[in-house]
Amino acid sequence: MTAELHAEAEPELVAAAEWYEVRREGLGQDFIEEVVRAAEAIQASPRAWAAWPGVRSDLGIRRFVLARFPFSLPYQIGQNRIIILAIAHTRRRPRYWLKRVVGVAEP
């Protein structure tokens, strides 16, 4: 099973990396590398991380919290793939990414 970024998560990754890079050269690349490691860990053991708190349990949304940066990766385990729904800052716009969940019309 492969882990993939949702199409709307890709620009979030780029924007956050660019923001960090402006603050310190190389920090944006560090951020990208941490997200890649997180995706690899999720792919290796998708059920290892806890469900996202406050989200309906039947949606099966889990979260990986980055260690070095204030971001979490909400993800959904599907039949053949894992979708990382967002690169979500932990202090901004809680659960804005729910509209991206497969099988949900309205959050």
PDB file of N, CA and C in Angstrom:
ATOM      1  N   MET A   1       0.848  -1.175   0.000  1.00  0.00           N
ATOM      2  CA  MET A   1       0.000   0.000   0.000  1.00  0.00           C
ATOM      3  C   MET A   1       0.896   1.242   0.000  1.00  0.00           C
ATOM      4  N   THR A   2       0.610   2.158  -0.879  1.00  0.00           N
ATOM      5  CA  THR A   2       1.425   3.364  -0.977  1.00  0.00           C
ATOM      6  C   THR A   2       0.731   4.559  -0.336  1.00  0.00           C
ATOM      7  N   ALA A   3       1.525   5.477   0.187  1.00  0.00           N
ATOM      8  CA  ALA A   3       1.009   6.719   0.762  1.00  0.00           C
ATOM      9  C   ALA A   3       1.187   7.824  -0.271  1.00  0.00           C
ATOM     10  N   GLU A   4       0.122   8.572  -0.509  1.00  0.00           N
ATOM     11  CA  GLU A   4       0.135   9.645  -1.500  1.00  0.00           C
ATOM     12  C   GLU A   4      -0.407  10.924  -0.874  1.00  0.00           C
ATOM     13  N   LEU A   5       0.104  12.054  -1.345  1.00  0.00           N
ATOM     14  CA  LEU A   5      -0.449  13.337  -0.924  1.00  0.00           C
ATOM     15  C   LEU A   5      -1.719  13.630  -1.714  1.00  0.00           C
ATOM     16  N   HIS A   6      -2.734  14.077  -1.037  1.00  0.00           N
ATOM     17  CA  HIS A   6      -3.935  14.596  -1.698  1.00  0.00           C
ATOM     18  C   HIS A   6      -3.492  15.778  -2.562  1.00  0.00           C
ATOM     19  N   ALA A   7      -4.140  15.986  -3.678  1.00  0.00           N
ATOM     20  CA  ALA A   7      -3.759  17.070  -4.599  1.00  0.00           C
ATOM     21  C   ALA A   7      -3.720  18.429  -3.899  1.00  0.00           C
ATOM     22  N   GLU A   8      -4.611  18.671  -2.959  1.00  0.00           N
ATOM     23  CA  GLU A   8      -4.626  19.955  -2.253  1.00  0.00           C
ATOM     24  C   GLU A   8      -3.568  20.035  -1.163  1.00  0.00           C
ATOM     25  N   ALA A   9      -2.968  18.906  -0.789  1.00  0.00           N
ATOM     26  CA  ALA A   9      -1.909  18.910   0.222  1.00  0.00           C
ATOM     27  C   ALA A   9      -0.559  19.295  -0.384  1.00  0.00           C
ATOM     28  N   GLU A  10      -0.391  19.036  -1.667  1.00  0.00           N
ATOM     29  CA  GLU A  10       0.888  19.347  -2.315  1.00  0.00           C
ATOM     30  C   GLU A  10       1.242  20.834  -2.222  1.00  0.00           C
ATOM     31  N   PRO A  11       0.314  21.747  -2.571  1.00  0.00           N
ATOM     32  CA  PRO A  11       0.667  23.170  -2.434  1.00  0.00           C
ATOM     33  C   PRO A  11       0.889  23.584  -0.978  1.00  0.00           C
ATOM     34  N   GLU A  12       0.251  22.908  -0.042  1.00  0.00           N
ATOM     35  CA  GLU A  12       0.477  23.210   1.376  1.00  0.00           C
ATOM     36  C   GLU A  12       1.914  22.860   1.765  1.00  0.00           C
ATOM     37  N   LEU A  13       2.393  21.742   1.270  1.00  0.00           N
ATOM     38  CA  LEU A  13       3.768  21.323   1.541  1.00  0.00           C
ATOM     39  C   LEU A  13       4.756  22.339   0.970  1.00  0.00           C
ATOM     40  N   VAL A  14       4.538  22.740  -0.262  1.00  0.00           N
ATOM     41  CA  VAL A  14       5.426  23.703  -0.925  1.00  0.00           C
ATOM     42  C   VAL A  14       5.407  25.047  -0.190  1.00  0.00           C
ATOM     43  N   ALA A  15       4.226  25.520   0.158  1.00  0.00           N
ATOM     44  CA  ALA A  15       4.106  26.822   0.825  1.00  0.00           C
ATOM     45  C   ALA A  15       4.805  26.814   2.184  1.00  0.00           C
ATOM     46  N   ALA A  16       4.619  25.761   2.954  1.00  0.00           N
ATOM     47  CA  ALA A  16       5.268  25.683   4.267  1.00  0.00           C
ATOM     48  C   ALA A  16       6.779  25.594   4.113  1.00  0.00           C
ATOM     49  N   ALA A  17       7.249  24.801   3.157  1.00  0.00           N
ATOM     50  CA  ALA A  17       8.687  24.670   2.931  1.00  0.00           C
ATOM     51  C   ALA A  17       9.292  26.012   2.513  1.00  0.00           C
ATOM     52  N   GLU A  18       8.603  26.742   1.645  1.00  0.00           N
ATOM     53  CA  GLU A  18       9.095  28.048   1.215  1.00  0.00           C
ATOM     54  C   GLU A  18       9.145  29.020   2.388  1.00  0.00           C
ATOM     55  N   TRP A  19       8.133  28.974   3.244  1.00  0.00           N
ATOM     56  CA  TRP A  19       8.090  29.842   4.422  1.00  0.00           C
ATOM     57  C   TRP A  19       9.296  29.575   5.315  1.00  0.00           C
ATOM     58  N   TYR A  20       9.578  28.311   5.578  1.00  0.00           N
ATOM     59  CA  TYR A  20      10.732  27.956   6.414  1.00  0.00           C
ATOM     60  C   TYR A  20      12.053  28.325   5.738  1.00  0.00           C
ATOM     61  N   GLU A  21      12.128  28.141   4.448  1.00  0.00           N
ATOM     62  CA  GLU A  21      13.366  28.434   3.717  1.00  0.00           C
ATOM     63  C   GLU A  21      13.715  29.914   3.787  1.00  0.00           C
ATOM     64  N   VAL A  22      12.690  30.774   3.754  1.00  0.00           N
ATOM     65  CA  VAL A  22      12.921  32.217   3.864  1.00  0.00           C
ATOM     66  C   VAL A  22      13.497  32.553   5.244  1.00  0.00           C
ATOM     67  N   ARG A  23      13.077  31.842   6.252  1.00  0.00           N
ATOM     68  CA  ARG A  23      13.534  32.115   7.609  1.00  0.00           C
ATOM     69  C   ARG A  23      14.968  31.656   7.841  1.00  0.00           C
ATOM     70  N   ARG A  24      15.319  30.502   7.242  1.00  0.00           N
ATOM     71  CA  ARG A  24      16.693  30.012   7.364  1.00  0.00           C
ATOM     72  C   ARG A  24      17.000  29.072   6.210  1.00  0.00           C
ATOM     73  N   GLU A  25      18.056  29.332   5.514  1.00  0.00           N
ATOM     74  CA  GLU A  25      18.444  28.497   4.379  1.00  0.00           C
ATOM     75  C   GLU A  25      18.606  27.043   4.828  1.00  0.00           C
ATOM     76  N   GLY A  26      17.965  26.159   4.088  1.00  0.00           N
ATOM     77  CA  GLY A  26      18.029  24.723   4.387  1.00  0.00           C
ATOM     78  C   GLY A  26      16.886  24.230   5.252  1.00  0.00           C
ATOM     79  N   LEU A  27      16.215  25.129   5.952  1.00  0.00           N
ATOM     80  CA  LEU A  27      15.129  24.714   6.842  1.00  0.00           C
ATOM     81  C   LEU A  27      13.920  24.211   6.053  1.00  0.00           C
ATOM     82  N   GLY A  28      13.682  24.791   4.899  1.00  0.00           N
ATOM     83  CA  GLY A  28      12.590  24.316   4.050  1.00  0.00           C
ATOM     84  C   GLY A  28      12.834  22.892   3.590  1.00  0.00           C
ATOM     85  N   GLN A  29      14.061  22.597   3.214  1.00  0.00           N
ATOM     86  CA  GLN A  29      14.422  21.233   2.818  1.00  0.00           C
ATOM     87  C   GLN A  29      14.298  20.280   4.004  1.00  0.00           C
ATOM     88  N   ASP A  30      14.674  20.734   5.192  1.00  0.00           N
ATOM     89  CA  ASP A  30      14.514  19.913   6.396  1.00  0.00           C
ATOM     90  C   ASP A  30      13.042  19.565   6.612  1.00  0.00           C
ATOM     91  N   PHE A  31      12.182  20.557   6.394  1.00  0.00           N
ATOM     92  CA  PHE A  31      10.744  20.332   6.550  1.00  0.00           C
ATOM     93  C   PHE A  31      10.254  19.271   5.563  1.00  0.00           C
ATOM     94  N   ILE A  32      10.636  19.411   4.306  1.00  0.00           N
ATOM     95  CA  ILE A  32      10.224  18.437   3.289  1.00  0.00           C
ATOM     96  C   ILE A  32      10.724  17.043   3.660  1.00  0.00           C
ATOM     97  N   GLU A  33      11.951  16.944   4.095  1.00  0.00           N
ATOM     98  CA  GLU A  33      12.500  15.640   4.469  1.00  0.00           C
ATOM     99  C   GLU A  33      11.746  15.022   5.635  1.00  0.00           C
ATOM    100  N   GLU A  34      11.330  15.843   6.597  1.00  0.00           N
ATOM    101  CA  GLU A  34      10.555  15.298   7.722  1.00  0.00           C
ATOM    102  C   GLU A  34       9.191  14.797   7.250  1.00  0.00           C
ATOM    103  N   VAL A  35       8.569  15.516   6.338  1.00  0.00           N
ATOM    104  CA  VAL A  35       7.277  15.063   5.796  1.00  0.00           C
ATOM    105  C   VAL A  35       7.461  13.764   5.013  1.00  0.00           C
ATOM    106  N   VAL A  36       8.522  13.655   4.243  1.00  0.00           N
ATOM    107  CA  VAL A  36       8.793  12.419   3.496  1.00  0.00           C
ATOM    108  C   VAL A  36       9.000  11.255   4.455  1.00  0.00           C
ATOM    109  N   ARG A  37       9.782  11.466   5.522  1.00  0.00           N
ATOM    110  CA  ARG A  37       9.978  10.396   6.517  1.00  0.00           C
ATOM    111  C   ARG A  37       8.660  10.004   7.169  1.00  0.00           C
ATOM    112  N   ALA A  38       7.819  10.986   7.439  1.00  0.00           N
ATOM    113  CA  ALA A  38       6.514  10.708   8.029  1.00  0.00           C
ATOM    114  C   ALA A  38       5.668   9.863   7.082  1.00  0.00           C
ATOM    115  N   ALA A  39       5.663  10.219   5.803  1.00  0.00           N
ATOM    116  CA  ALA A  39       4.896   9.456   4.811  1.00  0.00           C
ATOM    117  C   ALA A  39       5.407   8.022   4.720  1.00  0.00           C
ATOM    118  N   GLU A  40       6.710   7.849   4.790  1.00  0.00           N
ATOM    119  CA  GLU A  40       7.284   6.502   4.755  1.00  0.00           C
ATOM    120  C   GLU A  40       6.884   5.694   5.986  1.00  0.00           C
ATOM    121  N   ALA A  41       6.873   6.339   7.149  1.00  0.00           N
ATOM    122  CA  ALA A  41       6.463   5.660   8.382  1.00  0.00           C
ATOM    123  C   ALA A  41       4.981   5.285   8.325  1.00  0.00           C
ATOM    124  N   ILE A  42       4.165   6.184   7.825  1.00  0.00           N
ATOM    125  CA  ILE A  42       2.735   5.906   7.679  1.00  0.00           C
ATOM    126  C   ILE A  42       2.539   4.732   6.730  1.00  0.00           C
ATOM    127  N   GLN A  43       3.256   4.752   5.635  1.00  0.00           N
ATOM    128  CA  GLN A  43       3.147   3.679   4.643  1.00  0.00           C
ATOM    129  C   GLN A  43       3.567   2.332   5.244  1.00  0.00           C
ATOM    130  N   ALA A  44       4.603   2.328   6.054  1.00  0.00           N
ATOM    131  CA  ALA A  44       5.106   1.088   6.641  1.00  0.00           C
ATOM    132  C   ALA A  44       4.147   0.515   7.684  1.00  0.00           C
ATOM    133  N   SER A  45       3.485   1.388   8.450  1.00  0.00           N
ATOM    134  CA  SER A  45       2.581   0.937   9.522  1.00  0.00           C
ATOM    135  C   SER A  45       1.391   1.879   9.622  1.00  0.00           C
ATOM    136  N   PRO A  46       0.470   1.816   8.678  1.00  0.00           N
ATOM    137  CA  PRO A  46      -0.604   2.815   8.629  1.00  0.00           C
ATOM    138  C   PRO A  46      -1.527   2.836   9.851  1.00  0.00           C
ATOM    139  N   ARG A  47      -1.643   1.768  10.559  1.00  0.00           N
ATOM    140  CA  ARG A  47      -2.549   1.732  11.715  1.00  0.00           C
ATOM    141  C   ARG A  47      -1.843   2.042  13.031  1.00  0.00           C
ATOM    142  N   ALA A  48      -0.585   2.438  12.963  1.00  0.00           N
ATOM    143  CA  ALA A  48       0.198   2.680  14.173  1.00  0.00           C
ATOM    144  C   ALA A  48      -0.167   3.983  14.888  1.00  0.00           C
ATOM    145  N   TRP A  49      -0.727   4.942  14.184  1.00  0.00           N
ATOM    146  CA  TRP A  49      -1.012   6.236  14.791  1.00  0.00           C
ATOM    147  C   TRP A  49      -2.490   6.365  15.137  1.00  0.00           C
ATOM    148  N   ALA A  50      -2.733   7.197  16.127  1.00  0.00           N
ATOM    149  CA  ALA A  50      -4.073   7.351  16.692  1.00  0.00           C
ATOM    150  C   ALA A  50      -5.038   8.035  15.725  1.00  0.00           C
ATOM    151  N   ALA A  51      -6.302   7.824  15.993  1.00  0.00           N
ATOM    152  CA  ALA A  51      -7.362   8.502  15.245  1.00  0.00           C
ATOM    153  C   ALA A  51      -7.285  10.001  15.551  1.00  0.00           C
ATOM    154  N   TRP A  52      -7.737  10.790  14.569  1.00  0.00           N
ATOM    155  CA  TRP A  52      -7.754  12.241  14.763  1.00  0.00           C
ATOM    156  C   TRP A  52      -8.853  12.567  15.773  1.00  0.00           C
ATOM    157  N   PRO A  53      -8.518  13.225  16.869  1.00  0.00           N
ATOM    158  CA  PRO A  53      -9.535  13.519  17.886  1.00  0.00           C
ATOM    159  C   PRO A  53     -10.603  14.483  17.373  1.00  0.00           C
ATOM    160  N   GLY A  54     -11.826  14.225  17.768  1.00  0.00           N
ATOM    161  CA  GLY A  54     -12.932  15.100  17.392  1.00  0.00           C
ATOM    162  C   GLY A  54     -13.502  14.855  16.014  1.00  0.00           C
ATOM    163  N   VAL A  55     -13.004  13.845  15.309  1.00  0.00           N
ATOM    164  CA  VAL A  55     -13.511  13.505  13.977  1.00  0.00           C
ATOM    165  C   VAL A  55     -14.241  12.173  14.089  1.00  0.00           C
ATOM    166  N   ARG A  56     -15.371  12.057  13.404  1.00  0.00           N
ATOM    167  CA  ARG A  56     -16.154  10.819  13.455  1.00  0.00           C
ATOM    168  C   ARG A  56     -15.264   9.600  13.237  1.00  0.00           C
ATOM    169  N   SER A  57     -15.365   8.648  14.121  1.00  0.00           N
ATOM    170  CA  SER A  57     -14.491   7.467  14.050  1.00  0.00           C
ATOM    171  C   SER A  57     -14.733   6.626  12.802  1.00  0.00           C
ATOM    172  N   ASP A  58     -15.951   6.657  12.273  1.00  0.00           N
ATOM    173  CA  ASP A  58     -16.237   5.849  11.083  1.00  0.00           C
ATOM    174  C   ASP A  58     -15.505   6.349   9.833  1.00  0.00           C
ATOM    175  N   LEU A  59     -14.954   7.559   9.883  1.00  0.00           N
ATOM    176  CA  LEU A  59     -14.205   8.082   8.747  1.00  0.00           C
ATOM    177  C   LEU A  59     -12.797   7.491   8.677  1.00  0.00           C
ATOM    178  N   GLY A  60     -12.318   6.967   9.798  1.00  0.00           N
ATOM    179  CA  GLY A  60     -11.010   6.321   9.812  1.00  0.00           C
ATOM    180  C   GLY A  60      -9.835   7.261   9.594  1.00  0.00           C
ATOM    181  N   ILE A  61      -9.951   8.487  10.065  1.00  0.00           N
ATOM    182  CA  ILE A  61      -8.879   9.460   9.891  1.00  0.00           C
ATOM    183  C   ILE A  61      -7.890   9.317  11.047  1.00  0.00           C
ATOM    184  N   ARG A  62      -6.640   9.175  10.699  1.00  0.00           N
ATOM    185  CA  ARG A  62      -5.567   9.091  11.682  1.00  0.00           C
ATOM    186  C   ARG A  62      -4.644  10.282  11.492  1.00  0.00           C
ATOM    187  N   ARG A  63      -3.754  10.481  12.486  1.00  0.00           N
ATOM    188  CA  ARG A  63      -2.845  11.614  12.339  1.00  0.00           C
ATOM    189  C   ARG A  63      -1.434  11.246  12.771  1.00  0.00           C
ATOM    190  N   PHE A  64      -0.522  11.793  12.021  1.00  0.00           N
ATOM    191  CA  PHE A  64       0.899  11.694  12.324  1.00  0.00           C
ATOM    192  C   PHE A  64       1.346  13.096  12.694  1.00  0.00           C
ATOM    193  N   VAL A  65       1.896  13.270  13.877  1.00  0.00           N
ATOM    194  CA  VAL A  65       2.357  14.577  14.333  1.00  0.00           C
ATOM    195  C   VAL A  65       3.861  14.664  14.092  1.00  0.00           C
ATOM    196  N   LEU A  66       4.277  15.684  13.341  1.00  0.00           N
ATOM    197  CA  LEU A  66       5.696  15.870  13.089  1.00  0.00           C
ATOM    198  C   LEU A  66       6.401  16.250  14.391  1.00  0.00           C
ATOM    199  N   ALA A  67       7.619  15.771  14.563  1.00  0.00           N
ATOM    200  CA  ALA A  67       8.363  16.013  15.797  1.00  0.00           C
ATOM    201  C   ALA A  67       8.981  17.412  15.842  1.00  0.00           C
ATOM    202  N   ARG A  68       9.526  17.856  14.735  1.00  0.00           N
ATOM    203  CA  ARG A  68      10.310  19.090  14.724  1.00  0.00           C
ATOM    204  C   ARG A  68       9.514  20.337  14.343  1.00  0.00           C
ATOM    205  N   PHE A  69       8.451  20.158  13.615  1.00  0.00           N
ATOM    206  CA  PHE A  69       7.663  21.285  13.097  1.00  0.00           C
ATOM    207  C   PHE A  69       6.230  21.180  13.609  1.00  0.00           C
ATOM    208  N   PRO A  70       5.539  22.319  13.762  1.00  0.00           N
ATOM    209  CA  PRO A  70       4.175  22.287  14.307  1.00  0.00           C
ATOM    210  C   PRO A  70       3.118  21.920  13.250  1.00  0.00           C
ATOM    211  N   PHE A  71       3.256  20.735  12.700  1.00  0.00           N
ATOM    212  CA  PHE A  71       2.351  20.256  11.670  1.00  0.00           C
ATOM    213  C   PHE A  71       1.937  18.821  11.960  1.00  0.00           C
ATOM    214  N   SER A  72       0.732  18.490  11.541  1.00  0.00           N
ATOM    215  CA  SER A  72       0.228  17.126  11.605  1.00  0.00           C
ATOM    216  C   SER A  72      -0.202  16.701  10.215  1.00  0.00           C
ATOM    217  N   LEU A  73      -0.147  15.404   9.959  1.00  0.00           N
ATOM    218  CA  LEU A  73      -0.588  14.858   8.681  1.00  0.00           C
ATOM    219  C   LEU A  73      -1.819  13.992   8.929  1.00  0.00           C
ATOM    220  N   PRO A  74      -3.014  14.514   8.631  1.00  0.00           N
ATOM    221  CA  PRO A  74      -4.190  13.661   8.699  1.00  0.00           C
ATOM    222  C   PRO A  74      -4.185  12.734   7.487  1.00  0.00           C
ATOM    223  N   TYR A  75      -4.523  11.473   7.706  1.00  0.00           N
ATOM    224  CA  TYR A  75      -4.537  10.543   6.579  1.00  0.00           C
ATOM    225  C   TYR A  75      -5.666   9.537   6.719  1.00  0.00           C
ATOM    226  N   GLN A  76      -6.042   9.008   5.575  1.00  0.00           N
ATOM    227  CA  GLN A  76      -7.138   8.042   5.484  1.00  0.00           C
ATOM    228  C   GLN A  76      -6.613   6.806   4.763  1.00  0.00           C
ATOM    229  N   ILE A  77      -6.891   5.663   5.344  1.00  0.00           N
ATOM    230  CA  ILE A  77      -6.453   4.399   4.763  1.00  0.00           C
ATOM    231  C   ILE A  77      -7.556   3.884   3.850  1.00  0.00           C
ATOM    232  N   GLY A  78      -7.222   3.711   2.577  1.00  0.00           N
ATOM    233  CA  GLY A  78      -8.180   3.199   1.610  1.00  0.00           C
ATOM    234  C   GLY A  78      -7.919   1.741   1.284  1.00  0.00           C
ATOM    235  N   GLN A  79      -8.568   1.252   0.261  1.00  0.00           N
ATOM    236  CA  GLN A  79      -8.402  -0.140  -0.160  1.00  0.00           C
ATOM    237  C   GLN A  79      -6.985  -0.423  -0.646  1.00  0.00           C
ATOM    238  N   ASN A  80      -6.473   0.434  -1.519  1.00  0.00           N
ATOM    239  CA  ASN A  80      -5.178   0.191  -2.154  1.00  0.00           C
ATOM    240  C   ASN A  80      -4.136   1.264  -1.891  1.00  0.00           C
ATOM    241  N   ARG A  81      -4.518   2.317  -1.165  1.00  0.00           N
ATOM    242  CA  ARG A  81      -3.580   3.402  -0.931  1.00  0.00           C
ATOM    243  C   ARG A  81      -3.948   4.167   0.326  1.00  0.00           C
ATOM    244  N   ILE A  82      -3.012   4.948   0.767  1.00  0.00           N
ATOM    245  CA  ILE A  82      -3.193   5.824   1.915  1.00  0.00           C
ATOM    246  C   ILE A  82      -3.133   7.249   1.382  1.00  0.00           C
ATOM    247  N   ILE A  83      -4.115   8.041   1.738  1.00  0.00           N
ATOM    248  CA  ILE A  83      -4.147   9.427   1.284  1.00  0.00           C
ATOM    249  C   ILE A  83      -3.803  10.339   2.460  1.00  0.00           C
ATOM    250  N   ILE A  84      -2.722  11.090   2.312  1.00  0.00           N
ATOM    251  CA  ILE A  84      -2.387  12.123   3.286  1.00  0.00           C
ATOM    252  C   ILE A  84      -3.195  13.346   2.863  1.00  0.00           C
ATOM    253  N   LEU A  85      -4.162  13.681   3.682  1.00  0.00           N
ATOM    254  CA  LEU A  85      -5.160  14.677   3.310  1.00  0.00           C
ATOM    255  C   LEU A  85      -4.658  16.119   3.352  1.00  0.00           C
ATOM    256  N   ALA A  86      -3.685  16.375   4.215  1.00  0.00           N
ATOM    257  CA  ALA A  86      -3.228  17.759   4.383  1.00  0.00           C
ATOM    258  C   ALA A  86      -1.876  17.792   5.065  1.00  0.00           C
ATOM    259  N   ILE A  87      -1.228  18.918   4.910  1.00  0.00           N
ATOM    260  CA  ILE A  87      -0.055  19.278   5.698  1.00  0.00           C
ATOM    261  C   ILE A  87      -0.604  20.383   6.602  1.00  0.00           C
ATOM    262  N   ALA A  88      -1.129  19.984   7.741  1.00  0.00           N
ATOM    263  CA  ALA A  88      -1.958  20.858   8.570  1.00  0.00           C
ATOM    264  C   ALA A  88      -1.177  21.453   9.738  1.00  0.00           C
ATOM    265  N   HIS A  89      -1.107  22.781   9.770  1.00  0.00           N
ATOM    266  CA  HIS A  89      -0.476  23.455  10.902  1.00  0.00           C
ATOM    267  C   HIS A  89      -1.312  23.170  12.140  1.00  0.00           C
ATOM    268  N   THR A  90      -0.652  22.895  13.244  1.00  0.00           N
ATOM    269  CA  THR A  90      -1.382  22.479  14.448  1.00  0.00           C
ATOM    270  C   THR A  90      -2.146  23.610  15.128  1.00  0.00           C
ATOM    271  N   ARG A  91      -1.857  24.863  14.762  1.00  0.00           N
ATOM    272  CA  ARG A  91      -2.532  25.982  15.427  1.00  0.00           C
ATOM    273  C   ARG A  91      -3.390  26.820  14.499  1.00  0.00           C
ATOM    274  N   ARG A  92      -3.637  26.335  13.307  1.00  0.00           N
ATOM    275  CA  ARG A  92      -4.425  27.117  12.345  1.00  0.00           C
ATOM    276  C   ARG A  92      -5.533  26.276  11.743  1.00  0.00           C
ATOM    277  N   ARG A  93      -6.652  26.877  11.501  1.00  0.00           N
ATOM    278  CA  ARG A  93      -7.787  26.283  10.776  1.00  0.00           C
ATOM    279  C   ARG A  93      -8.013  24.801  11.098  1.00  0.00           C
ATOM    280  N   PRO A  94      -8.459  24.500  12.293  1.00  0.00           N
ATOM    281  CA  PRO A  94      -8.642  23.091  12.647  1.00  0.00           C
ATOM    282  C   PRO A  94      -9.629  22.369  11.730  1.00  0.00           C
ATOM    283  N   ARG A  95      -9.220  21.229  11.279  1.00  0.00           N
ATOM    284  CA  ARG A  95     -10.034  20.302  10.483  1.00  0.00           C
ATOM    285  C   ARG A  95     -10.586  20.897   9.174  1.00  0.00           C
ATOM    286  N   TYR A  96      -9.947  21.910   8.614  1.00  0.00           N
ATOM    287  CA  TYR A  96     -10.371  22.476   7.330  1.00  0.00           C
ATOM    288  C   TYR A  96     -10.321  21.427   6.221  1.00  0.00           C
ATOM    289  N   TRP A  97      -9.499  20.431   6.382  1.00  0.00           N
ATOM    290  CA  TRP A  97      -9.246  19.404   5.378  1.00  0.00           C
ATOM    291  C   TRP A  97     -10.318  18.325   5.333  1.00  0.00           C
ATOM    292  N   LEU A  98     -11.306  18.376   6.213  1.00  0.00           N
ATOM    293  CA  LEU A  98     -12.345  17.328   6.237  1.00  0.00           C
ATOM    294  C   LEU A  98     -13.087  17.194   4.913  1.00  0.00           C
ATOM    295  N   LYS A  99     -13.182  18.272   4.158  1.00  0.00           N
ATOM    296  CA  LYS A  99     -13.871  18.196   2.859  1.00  0.00           C
ATOM    297  C   LYS A  99     -13.121  17.309   1.866  1.00  0.00           C
ATOM    298  N   ARG A 100     -11.880  16.992   2.171  1.00  0.00           N
ATOM    299  CA  ARG A 100     -11.068  16.144   1.307  1.00  0.00           C
ATOM    300  C   ARG A 100     -11.246  14.651   1.582  1.00  0.00           C
ATOM    301  N   VAL A 101     -11.939  14.323   2.641  1.00  0.00           N
ATOM    302  CA  VAL A 101     -12.101  12.918   3.025  1.00  0.00           C
ATOM    303  C   VAL A 101     -12.952  12.176   2.017  1.00  0.00           C
ATOM    304  N   VAL A 102     -12.464  11.041   1.570  1.00  0.00           N
ATOM    305  CA  VAL A 102     -13.212  10.205   0.609  1.00  0.00           C
ATOM    306  C   VAL A 102     -14.490   9.730   1.276  1.00  0.00           C
ATOM    307  N   GLY A 103     -15.608   9.911   0.575  1.00  0.00           N
ATOM    308  CA  GLY A 103     -16.894   9.433   1.078  1.00  0.00           C
ATOM    309  C   GLY A 103     -17.647  10.418   1.936  1.00  0.00           C
ATOM    310  N   VAL A 104     -17.185  11.661   2.011  1.00  0.00           N
ATOM    311  CA  VAL A 104     -17.866  12.670   2.829  1.00  0.00           C
ATOM    312  C   VAL A 104     -18.186  13.867   1.956  1.00  0.00           C
ATOM    313  N   ALA A 105     -19.466  14.194   1.873  1.00  0.00           N
ATOM    314  CA  ALA A 105     -19.880  15.349   1.079  1.00  0.00           C
ATOM    315  C   ALA A 105     -19.702  16.638   1.873  1.00  0.00           C
ATOM    316  N   GLU A 106     -20.112  16.616   3.115  1.00  0.00           N
ATOM    317  CA  GLU A 106     -20.019  17.786   4.006  1.00  0.00           C
ATOM    318  C   GLU A 106     -19.388  17.365   5.302  1.00  0.00           C
ATOM    319  N   PRO A 107     -18.423  18.127   5.819  1.00  0.00           N
ATOM    320  CA  PRO A 107     -17.808  17.787   7.113  1.00  0.00           C
ATOM    321  C   PRO A 107     -18.768  17.977   8.260  1.00  0.00           C
TER     322      PRO A 107
END
